[in-house]
Amino acid sequence: MTWAEVSGRRFARQGLTTPMADAGPADAAAAMCGAHAQVQSAAELSIGLRLTGVTQSDIRAALWTERSVVKTFGPRGTVHLLPSRDLPMWCAALSAIPPARSPFTDDVRMTTDQTEAVLAAIADALVDAELTIDELTSAIVERTGSWAGDLVMPAFQGMWPRWRQALSLAGTRGVLCYGPNRGRTVTYTSPQRWIPDLATADSPTAPEDLLRRYLTAYGPATPEHYARWLNAPPTWSAKLFESVDDELESVEVEGTLAWQLVGDDAPTVTAEGVRLLPYFDAYAVAGQPRSLLFPPRAAERALAGGQAGNFPVLLVDGTVAGVWHHRRAGRKVAITVEPLSPLTSRQRRGLDEQVDRVGEILEATAALTVGTVSVGPHA
């Protein structure tokens, strides 16, 4: 397969060629294997750009009112928006990944028994509540003991309580997810309020199911690509590929040998046109080979220490061709786009359309400047 065929297939399946028809936020999140939501507005853009007529209010309604989408910890232990219907599969698949070695010293890390006690306390405290981090800390200490609240974890501007080592694990285990903000303060609650039978869901084939979904969205790919996307051990990823070997076939992509699902033919479309993707959009983060998605000049400008996602990216025909940034002020949003090469008149028209769409999703009036993006990564 050529890179044009690979990027064309990914574009089509993620609603980037044309927006997904008769679909909602949960469908868009499923198509890209989760929308990275460390920055909430970025997740809303990732989803909205793959749908027609959807705004951030619609996505927030899907999250907090309809509960068709859940905000929790996904790939790499980072915050994602995931379809609620798929949460049992996600929890089981992520729980199957061998845990990484704790970076903390013996006097800081928790024992296995302590970790299980904290998880049980979280499940009990959140069963019918939405708690801030401080309220959750008090509830955990009350149920486990003062050791859970010891301020021993180095944090951004101080020290965090010991139990917070298990925060993302609680999401993976399905006992914690994000609740609606209380003003500007984050809350946590139980995902069983979204999916009452989550605790008893049985997903023995979840690791294989998630791999199939990843290959559908981002194949052809290698075990190393998959391990990097999940932050999983490469040997574990290789064994998972071997476990479904009869479902896979090898494909050469511009000199790289990779795997796809048997018979998964590329559609006869190409990734044409201009697209603006926000921070940590899944297309840029999960897409491999990185050297083809980010050609040399793009890698230098749009990757931060080799990591994708720290800059919103401009795509031209499915390949990273620049960076962009937006700054909101009330009902207006100023968008600066820095192409790495001059845009044709057709591409400039496509860029104008993308800027208008970003404004619609953010429910603001957008104004475009083509020039240098002066802010640094993840600004």
Foldseek 3Di string as FASTA:
>chain_A
DEPQLQLFLLCVQQQNLHADPPDAQQSNCLSLVWFFPPPPLQSLCLSLNNHPLAAQVRVVCCVAPVVQWFWAQAFPLGTTIHGLVCLLLRLVQLVPFPDDDDPDDPVQADDPVLLVLQLVQLLVVFVPDWAFPVRSQVSSCVRRHCQQQPFDDDDDPGGGGSNCVCRSVSRSNQSKTWHDAPVPTTIIHGSCVSVVCSNVDDDPCSNLVSVQSLLSNADQAALVLVCQRRVGDSVVSNVSCVVVVVQWDWDAYPNDIGIHGPPSDGDPGGQAAKAWRAAPNSLQQSYDPNCFQQPDVSCVAQADVSGHRQFTFMDHRSHGFWTKDWDDDPQEIEIETEGNDDDDPRRVVRVVVNQCSSSSRPNHHYDYDYDDDPDDTND
